[in-house]
PDB file of all heavy atoms in Angstrom:
ATOM      1  N   ALA A   1     -22.313   0.006   1.586  1.00  0.00           N
ATOM      2  CA  ALA A   1     -21.259  -1.155   1.687  1.00  0.00           C
ATOM      3  C   ALA A   1     -19.926  -0.538   1.132  1.00  0.00           C
ATOM      4  O   ALA A   1     -18.943  -0.620   1.800  1.00  0.00           O
ATOM      5  CB  ALA A   1     -21.666  -2.390   1.007  1.00  0.00           C
ATOM      6  N   ILE A   2     -19.943  -0.090  -0.121  1.00  0.00           N
ATOM      7  CA  ILE A   2     -18.698   0.429  -0.651  1.00  0.00           C
ATOM      8  C   ILE A   2     -18.234   1.726  -0.128  1.00  0.00           C
ATOM      9  O   ILE A   2     -17.067   2.010   0.139  1.00  0.00           O
ATOM     10  CB  ILE A   2     -18.909   0.485  -2.237  1.00  0.00           C
ATOM     11  CG1 ILE A   2     -17.406   0.481  -2.836  1.00  0.00           C
ATOM     12  CG2 ILE A   2     -19.588   1.804  -2.592  1.00  0.00           C
ATOM     13  CD1 ILE A   2     -17.472   0.339  -4.403  1.00  0.00           C
ATOM     14  N   GLY A   3     -19.183   2.539   0.440  1.00  0.00           N
ATOM     15  CA  GLY A   3     -18.752   3.696   1.139  1.00  0.00           C
ATOM     16  C   GLY A   3     -18.005   3.341   2.378  1.00  0.00           C
ATOM     17  O   GLY A   3     -17.004   4.006   2.630  1.00  0.00           O
ATOM     18  N   ASN A   4     -18.501   2.484   3.157  1.00  0.00           N
ATOM     19  CA  ASN A   4     -17.932   2.109   4.376  1.00  0.00           C
ATOM     20  C   ASN A   4     -16.548   1.395   4.214  1.00  0.00           C
ATOM     21  O   ASN A   4     -15.511   1.867   4.867  1.00  0.00           O
ATOM     22  CB  ASN A   4     -18.688   1.089   5.169  1.00  0.00           C
ATOM     23  CG  ASN A   4     -19.931   1.730   5.931  1.00  0.00           C
ATOM     24  OD1 ASN A   4     -19.829   2.904   6.285  1.00  0.00           O
ATOM     25  ND2 ASN A   4     -20.985   1.025   6.149  1.00  0.00           N
ATOM     26  N   THR A   5     -16.427   0.659   3.184  1.00  0.00           N
ATOM     27  CA  THR A   5     -15.161  -0.050   2.906  1.00  0.00           C
ATOM     28  C   THR A   5     -14.050   0.897   2.406  1.00  0.00           C
ATOM     29  O   THR A   5     -12.935   0.937   2.679  1.00  0.00           O
ATOM     30  CB  THR A   5     -15.461  -1.073   1.922  1.00  0.00           C
ATOM     31  OG1 THR A   5     -16.422  -2.034   2.314  1.00  0.00           O
ATOM     32  CG2 THR A   5     -14.110  -1.921   1.643  1.00  0.00           C
ATOM     33  N   ALA A   6     -14.582   1.833   1.412  1.00  0.00           N
ATOM     34  CA  ALA A   6     -13.657   2.865   0.882  1.00  0.00           C
ATOM     35  C   ALA A   6     -13.068   3.824   1.890  1.00  0.00           C
ATOM     36  O   ALA A   6     -11.996   4.245   1.890  1.00  0.00           O
ATOM     37  CB  ALA A   6     -14.347   3.581  -0.271  1.00  0.00           C
ATOM     38  N   ALA A   7     -13.978   4.065   2.959  1.00  0.00           N
ATOM     39  CA  ALA A   7     -13.532   4.974   4.040  1.00  0.00           C
ATOM     40  C   ALA A   7     -12.313   4.392   4.706  1.00  0.00           C
ATOM     41  O   ALA A   7     -11.441   5.146   5.168  1.00  0.00           O
ATOM     42  CB  ALA A   7     -14.728   5.253   4.972  1.00  0.00           C
ATOM     43  N   VAL A   8     -12.364   3.029   4.981  1.00  0.00           N
ATOM     44  CA  VAL A   8     -11.250   2.351   5.784  1.00  0.00           C
ATOM     45  C   VAL A   8     -10.067   2.313   4.789  1.00  0.00           C
ATOM     46  O   VAL A   8      -8.884   2.499   5.191  1.00  0.00           O
ATOM     47  CB  VAL A   8     -11.673   0.968   6.203  1.00  0.00           C
ATOM     48  CG1 VAL A   8     -10.455   0.345   6.888  1.00  0.00           C
ATOM     49  CG2 VAL A   8     -12.806   1.153   7.222  1.00  0.00           C
ATOM     50  N   VAL A   9     -10.285   2.113   3.547  1.00  0.00           N
ATOM     51  CA  VAL A   9      -9.164   2.119   2.449  1.00  0.00           C
ATOM     52  C   VAL A   9      -8.443   3.354   2.431  1.00  0.00           C
ATOM     53  O   VAL A   9      -7.333   3.571   2.418  1.00  0.00           O
ATOM     54  CB  VAL A   9      -9.739   1.649   1.057  1.00  0.00           C
ATOM     55  CG1 VAL A   9      -8.621   1.777   0.080  1.00  0.00           C
ATOM     56  CG2 VAL A   9     -10.230   0.252   1.130  1.00  0.00           C
ATOM     57  N   GLY A  10      -9.283   4.457   2.563  1.00  0.00           N
ATOM     58  CA  GLY A  10      -8.711   5.883   2.556  1.00  0.00           C
ATOM     59  C   GLY A  10      -7.817   6.071   3.834  1.00  0.00           C
ATOM     60  O   GLY A  10      -6.763   6.728   3.612  1.00  0.00           O
ATOM     61  N   PHE A  11      -8.255   5.516   4.974  1.00  0.00           N
ATOM     62  CA  PHE A  11      -7.254   5.670   6.110  1.00  0.00           C
ATOM     63  C   PHE A  11      -5.971   4.909   5.887  1.00  0.00           C
ATOM     64  O   PHE A  11      -4.946   5.476   6.186  1.00  0.00           O
ATOM     65  CB  PHE A  11      -7.987   4.884   7.429  1.00  0.00           C
ATOM     66  CG  PHE A  11      -7.164   4.684   8.485  1.00  0.00           C
ATOM     67  CD1 PHE A  11      -6.806   5.817   9.291  1.00  0.00           C
ATOM     68  CD2 PHE A  11      -6.427   3.573   8.779  1.00  0.00           C
ATOM     69  CE1 PHE A  11      -6.000   5.651  10.487  1.00  0.00           C
ATOM     70  CE2 PHE A  11      -5.601   3.328   9.711  1.00  0.00           C
ATOM     71  CZ  PHE A  11      -5.320   4.367  10.748  1.00  0.00           C
ATOM     72  N   GLY A  12      -6.059   3.764   5.304  1.00  0.00           N
ATOM     73  CA  GLY A  12      -4.799   2.988   4.943  1.00  0.00           C
ATOM     74  C   GLY A  12      -3.981   3.811   3.934  1.00  0.00           C
ATOM     75  O   GLY A  12      -2.771   3.699   4.023  1.00  0.00           O
ATOM     76  N   GLY A  13      -4.581   4.545   3.005  1.00  0.00           N
ATOM     77  CA  GLY A  13      -3.788   5.279   2.178  1.00  0.00           C
ATOM     78  C   GLY A  13      -2.928   6.470   2.904  1.00  0.00           C
ATOM     79  O   GLY A  13      -1.746   6.768   2.470  1.00  0.00           O
ATOM     80  N   VAL A  14      -3.545   7.035   3.835  1.00  0.00           N
ATOM     81  CA  VAL A  14      -2.905   8.068   4.704  1.00  0.00           C
ATOM     82  C   VAL A  14      -1.807   7.383   5.602  1.00  0.00           C
ATOM     83  O   VAL A  14      -0.677   7.841   5.715  1.00  0.00           O
ATOM     84  CB  VAL A  14      -3.854   8.898   5.584  1.00  0.00           C
ATOM     85  CG1 VAL A  14      -3.018   9.851   6.372  1.00  0.00           C
ATOM     86  CG2 VAL A  14      -4.781   9.653   4.662  1.00  0.00           C
ATOM     87  N   ALA A  15      -2.165   6.199   6.136  1.00  0.00           N
ATOM     88  CA  ALA A  15      -1.234   5.522   7.087  1.00  0.00           C
ATOM     89  C   ALA A  15       0.043   5.169   6.394  1.00  0.00           C
ATOM     90  O   ALA A  15       1.039   5.285   6.891  1.00  0.00           O
ATOM     91  CB  ALA A  15      -1.988   4.332   7.653  1.00  0.00           C
ATOM     92  N   LYS A  16      -0.085   4.645   5.012  1.00  0.00           N
ATOM     93  CA  LYS A  16       1.098   4.290   4.280  1.00  0.00           C
ATOM     94  C   LYS A  16       1.969   5.467   3.947  1.00  0.00           C
ATOM     95  O   LYS A  16       3.117   5.238   3.670  1.00  0.00           O
ATOM     96  CB  LYS A  16       0.595   3.598   3.062  1.00  0.00           C
ATOM     97  CG  LYS A  16       0.108   2.188   3.415  1.00  0.00           C
ATOM     98  CD  LYS A  16      -0.160   1.297   2.090  1.00  0.00           C
ATOM     99  CE  LYS A  16      -1.388   1.714   1.359  1.00  0.00           C
ATOM    100  NZ  LYS A  16      -1.661   0.844   0.232  1.00  0.00           N
ATOM    101  N   ALA A  17       1.337   6.612   3.969  1.00  0.00           N
ATOM    102  CA  ALA A  17       2.265   7.765   3.643  1.00  0.00           C
ATOM    103  C   ALA A  17       3.069   8.370   4.834  1.00  0.00           C
ATOM    104  O   ALA A  17       3.998   9.218   4.666  1.00  0.00           O
ATOM    105  CB  ALA A  17       1.372   8.879   3.065  1.00  0.00           C
ATOM    106  N   SER A  18       2.754   7.847   6.036  1.00  0.00           N
ATOM    107  CA  SER A  18       3.412   8.370   7.194  1.00  0.00           C
ATOM    108  C   SER A  18       4.925   7.863   7.209  1.00  0.00           C
ATOM    109  O   SER A  18       5.179   6.660   6.976  1.00  0.00           O
ATOM    110  CB  SER A  18       2.768   8.006   8.519  1.00  0.00           C
ATOM    111  OG  SER A  18       2.725   6.544   8.661  1.00  0.00           O
ATOM    112  N   PRO A  19       5.814   8.553   7.773  1.00  0.00           N
ATOM    113  CA  PRO A  19       7.190   8.118   7.931  1.00  0.00           C
ATOM    114  C   PRO A  19       7.305   6.857   8.744  1.00  0.00           C
ATOM    115  O   PRO A  19       8.080   5.987   8.557  1.00  0.00           O
ATOM    116  CB  PRO A  19       7.993   9.294   8.521  1.00  0.00           C
ATOM    117  CG  PRO A  19       7.120  10.532   8.223  1.00  0.00           C
ATOM    118  CD  PRO A  19       5.697  10.106   8.154  1.00  0.00           C
ATOM    119  N   ALA A  20       6.460   6.840   9.789  1.00  0.00           N
ATOM    120  CA  ALA A  20       6.434   5.666  10.630  1.00  0.00           C
ATOM    121  C   ALA A  20       6.137   4.253  10.039  1.00  0.00           C
ATOM    122  O   ALA A  20       6.575   3.303  10.471  1.00  0.00           O
ATOM    123  CB  ALA A  20       5.609   5.894  11.923  1.00  0.00           C
ATOM    124  N   PHE A  21       5.356   4.451   8.999  1.00  0.00           N
ATOM    125  CA  PHE A  21       4.902   3.228   8.384  1.00  0.00           C
ATOM    126  C   PHE A  21       6.108   2.604   7.672  1.00  0.00           C
ATOM    127  O   PHE A  21       6.317   1.324   7.825  1.00  0.00           O
ATOM    128  CB  PHE A  21       3.831   3.509   7.245  1.00  0.00           C
ATOM    129  CG  PHE A  21       3.230   2.211   6.666  1.00  0.00           C
ATOM    130  CD1 PHE A  21       2.175   1.605   7.233  1.00  0.00           C
ATOM    131  CD2 PHE A  21       3.652   1.711   5.407  1.00  0.00           C
ATOM    132  CE1 PHE A  21       1.714   0.439   6.812  1.00  0.00           C
ATOM    133  CE2 PHE A  21       3.224   0.594   4.901  1.00  0.00           C
ATOM    134  CZ  PHE A  21       2.179   0.023   5.480  1.00  0.00           C
ATOM    135  N   ASP A  22       6.996   3.241   6.990  1.00  0.00           N
ATOM    136  CA  ASP A  22       8.109   2.707   6.425  1.00  0.00           C
ATOM    137  C   ASP A  22       9.074   2.224   7.425  1.00  0.00           C
ATOM    138  O   ASP A  22       9.632   0.997   7.274  1.00  0.00           O
ATOM    139  CB  ASP A  22       8.937   3.740   5.649  1.00  0.00           C
ATOM    140  CG  ASP A  22       8.209   4.100   4.317  1.00  0.00           C
ATOM    141  OD1 ASP A  22       7.366   3.378   3.762  1.00  0.00           O
ATOM    142  OD2 ASP A  22       8.486   5.194   3.800  1.00  0.00           O
ATOM    143  N   GLN A  23       9.145   2.846   8.654  1.00  0.00           N
ATOM    144  CA  GLN A  23       9.995   2.280   9.758  1.00  0.00           C
ATOM    145  C   GLN A  23       9.367   0.976  10.317  1.00  0.00           C
ATOM    146  O   GLN A  23      10.098   0.057  10.579  1.00  0.00           O
ATOM    147  CB  GLN A  23      10.101   3.316  10.851  1.00  0.00           C
ATOM    148  CG  GLN A  23      10.696   4.698  10.412  1.00  0.00           C
ATOM    149  CD  GLN A  23      10.693   5.750  11.397  1.00  0.00           C
ATOM    150  OE1 GLN A  23      10.265   5.413  12.589  1.00  0.00           O
ATOM    151  NE2 GLN A  23      10.870   6.998  11.044  1.00  0.00           N
ATOM    152  N   ALA A  24       8.092   0.961  10.370  1.00  0.00           N
ATOM    153  CA  ALA A  24       7.415  -0.213  10.933  1.00  0.00           C
ATOM    154  C   ALA A  24       7.593  -1.424   9.997  1.00  0.00           C
ATOM    155  O   ALA A  24       7.840  -2.492  10.421  1.00  0.00           O
ATOM    156  CB  ALA A  24       5.945  -0.030  11.053  1.00  0.00           C
ATOM    157  N   VAL A  25       7.443  -1.223   8.684  1.00  0.00           N
ATOM    158  CA  VAL A  25       7.697  -2.278   7.732  1.00  0.00           C
ATOM    159  C   VAL A  25       9.122  -2.718   7.706  1.00  0.00           C
ATOM    160  O   VAL A  25       9.407  -4.065   7.813  1.00  0.00           O
ATOM    161  CB  VAL A  25       7.390  -1.721   6.298  1.00  0.00           C
ATOM    162  CG1 VAL A  25       7.788  -2.792   5.242  1.00  0.00           C
ATOM    163  CG2 VAL A  25       5.888  -1.440   6.151  1.00  0.00           C
ATOM    164  N   GLN A  26      10.117  -1.891   7.876  1.00  0.00           N
ATOM    165  CA  GLN A  26      11.474  -2.273   7.881  1.00  0.00           C
ATOM    166  C   GLN A  26      11.759  -3.031   9.110  1.00  0.00           C
ATOM    167  O   GLN A  26      12.559  -4.063   9.142  1.00  0.00           O
ATOM    168  CB  GLN A  26      12.426  -1.023   7.958  1.00  0.00           C
ATOM    169  CG  GLN A  26      13.850  -1.317   7.590  1.00  0.00           C
ATOM    170  CD  GLN A  26      14.041  -1.941   6.234  1.00  0.00           C
ATOM    171  OE1 GLN A  26      13.614  -1.443   5.278  1.00  0.00           O
ATOM    172  NE2 GLN A  26      14.861  -3.159   6.195  1.00  0.00           N
ATOM    173  N   ALA A  27      11.151  -2.690  10.270  1.00  0.00           N
ATOM    174  CA  ALA A  27      11.419  -3.349  11.424  1.00  0.00           C
ATOM    175  C   ALA A  27      10.815  -4.739  11.501  1.00  0.00           C
ATOM    176  O   ALA A  27      11.376  -5.728  11.913  1.00  0.00           O
ATOM    177  CB  ALA A  27      10.740  -2.553  12.741  1.00  0.00           C
ATOM    178  N   MET A  28       9.673  -4.834  10.870  1.00  0.00           N
ATOM    179  CA  MET A  28       8.939  -6.163  10.715  1.00  0.00           C
ATOM    180  C   MET A  28       9.620  -7.104   9.865  1.00  0.00           C
ATOM    181  O   MET A  28       9.857  -8.329  10.139  1.00  0.00           O
ATOM    182  CB  MET A  28       7.461  -5.951  10.209  1.00  0.00           C
ATOM    183  CG  MET A  28       6.649  -5.365  11.190  1.00  0.00           C
ATOM    184  SD  MET A  28       6.245  -6.267  12.625  1.00  0.00           S
ATOM    185  CE  MET A  28       7.272  -5.379  13.917  1.00  0.00           C
ATOM    186  N   THR A  29      10.368  -6.587   8.775  1.00  0.00           N
ATOM    187  CA  THR A  29      11.023  -7.447   7.783  1.00  0.00           C
ATOM    188  C   THR A  29      12.460  -7.830   8.321  1.00  0.00           C
ATOM    189  O   THR A  29      13.112  -8.671   7.583  1.00  0.00           O
ATOM    190  CB  THR A  29      11.047  -6.790   6.411  1.00  0.00           C
ATOM    191  OG1 THR A  29      11.582  -5.475   6.568  1.00  0.00           O
ATOM    192  CG2 THR A  29       9.578  -6.686   5.777  1.00  0.00           C
ATOM    193  N   ASP A  30      12.917  -7.122   9.309  1.00  0.00           N
ATOM    194  CA  ASP A  30      14.158  -7.312   9.796  1.00  0.00           C
ATOM    195  C   ASP A  30      14.246  -8.297  11.177  1.00  0.00           C
ATOM    196  O   ASP A  30      15.303  -8.214  11.826  1.00  0.00           O
ATOM    197  CB  ASP A  30      15.021  -6.074  10.072  1.00  0.00           C
ATOM    198  CG  ASP A  30      15.373  -5.338   8.823  1.00  0.00           C
ATOM    199  OD1 ASP A  30      15.450  -6.063   7.689  1.00  0.00           O
ATOM    200  OD2 ASP A  30      15.668  -4.220   8.759  1.00  0.00           O
ATOM    201  N   LEU A  31      13.034  -8.844  11.455  1.00  0.00           N
ATOM    202  CA  LEU A  31      12.993  -9.567  12.679  1.00  0.00           C
ATOM    203  C   LEU A  31      13.998 -10.591  12.665  1.00  0.00           C
ATOM    204  O   LEU A  31      14.163 -11.405  11.663  1.00  0.00           O
ATOM    205  CB  LEU A  31      11.612 -10.109  12.815  1.00  0.00           C
ATOM    206  CG  LEU A  31      10.409  -9.111  13.191  1.00  0.00           C
ATOM    207  CD1 LEU A  31       8.998  -9.831  13.038  1.00  0.00           C
ATOM    208  CD2 LEU A  31      10.718  -8.602  14.478  1.00  0.00           C
ATOM    209  N   PRO A  32      14.734 -10.972  13.778  1.00  0.00           N
ATOM    210  CA  PRO A  32      15.619 -12.122  13.933  1.00  0.00           C
ATOM    211  C   PRO A  32      14.931 -13.386  14.051  1.00  0.00           C
ATOM    212  O   PRO A  32      13.695 -13.486  14.182  1.00  0.00           O
ATOM    213  CB  PRO A  32      16.497 -11.747  15.098  1.00  0.00           C
ATOM    214  CG  PRO A  32      15.500 -10.980  15.987  1.00  0.00           C
ATOM    215  CD  PRO A  32      14.813 -10.146  14.973  1.00  0.00           C
ATOM    216  N   GLY A  33      15.637 -14.457  13.865  1.00  0.00           N
ATOM    217  CA  GLY A  33      15.212 -15.800  14.042  1.00  0.00           C
ATOM    218  C   GLY A  33      14.687 -16.448  12.778  1.00  0.00           C
ATOM    219  O   GLY A  33      15.183 -16.088  11.704  1.00  0.00           O
ATOM    220  N   SER A  34      13.817 -17.418  12.866  1.00  0.00           N
ATOM    221  CA  SER A  34      13.409 -18.177  11.665  1.00  0.00           C
ATOM    222  C   SER A  34      12.804 -17.228  10.697  1.00  0.00           C
ATOM    223  O   SER A  34      11.877 -16.425  11.049  1.00  0.00           O
ATOM    224  CB  SER A  34      12.385 -19.250  12.097  1.00  0.00           C
ATOM    225  OG  SER A  34      11.809 -19.837  10.998  1.00  0.00           O
ATOM    226  N   PRO A  35      13.102 -17.381   9.416  1.00  0.00           N
ATOM    227  CA  PRO A  35      12.587 -16.643   8.385  1.00  0.00           C
ATOM    228  C   PRO A  35      11.113 -16.748   8.219  1.00  0.00           C
ATOM    229  O   PRO A  35      10.332 -15.785   7.902  1.00  0.00           O
ATOM    230  CB  PRO A  35      13.164 -16.989   7.059  1.00  0.00           C
ATOM    231  CG  PRO A  35      14.656 -17.532   7.612  1.00  0.00           C
ATOM    232  CD  PRO A  35      14.289 -18.164   8.935  1.00  0.00           C
ATOM    233  N   LEU A  36      10.523 -18.019   8.473  1.00  0.00           N
ATOM    234  CA  LEU A  36       9.131 -18.265   8.399  1.00  0.00           C
ATOM    235  C   LEU A  36       8.419 -17.599   9.474  1.00  0.00           C
ATOM    236  O   LEU A  36       7.247 -16.994   9.248  1.00  0.00           O
ATOM    237  CB  LEU A  36       8.951 -19.856   8.422  1.00  0.00           C
ATOM    238  CG  LEU A  36       9.451 -20.614   7.323  1.00  0.00           C
ATOM    239  CD1 LEU A  36       8.998 -22.169   7.524  1.00  0.00           C
ATOM    240  CD2 LEU A  36       8.898 -20.128   5.862  1.00  0.00           C
ATOM    241  N   ILE A  37       8.956 -17.465  10.671  1.00  0.00           N
ATOM    242  CA  ILE A  37       8.206 -16.720  11.754  1.00  0.00           C
ATOM    243  C   ILE A  37       8.309 -15.242  11.443  1.00  0.00           C
ATOM    244  O   ILE A  37       7.327 -14.431  11.508  1.00  0.00           O
ATOM    245  CB  ILE A  37       8.994 -17.039  13.086  1.00  0.00           C
ATOM    246  CG1 ILE A  37       8.800 -18.496  13.478  1.00  0.00           C
ATOM    247  CG2 ILE A  37       8.480 -16.113  14.204  1.00  0.00           C
ATOM    248  CD1 ILE A  37       9.587 -18.863  14.602  1.00  0.00           C
ATOM    249  N   GLY A  38       9.549 -14.799  10.941  1.00  0.00           N
ATOM    250  CA  GLY A  38       9.658 -13.429  10.594  1.00  0.00           C
ATOM    251  C   GLY A  38       8.706 -12.930   9.556  1.00  0.00           C
ATOM    252  O   GLY A  38       8.143 -11.904   9.595  1.00  0.00           O
ATOM    253  N   GLY A  39       8.648 -13.834   8.475  1.00  0.00           N
ATOM    254  CA  GLY A  39       7.818 -13.433   7.403  1.00  0.00           C
ATOM    255  C   GLY A  39       6.200 -13.470   7.836  1.00  0.00           C
ATOM    256  O   GLY A  39       5.477 -12.483   7.345  1.00  0.00           O
TER     257      GLY A  39
END
């Protein structure tokens, strides 16, 4: 169980290090319209 879960967590660790991840986060947090919808 922990091996399967940690394997996916490892993928997330690499995904967060990609330049596109920061761009995606910025795009998501800059969405126009209602702040509740954007959040």
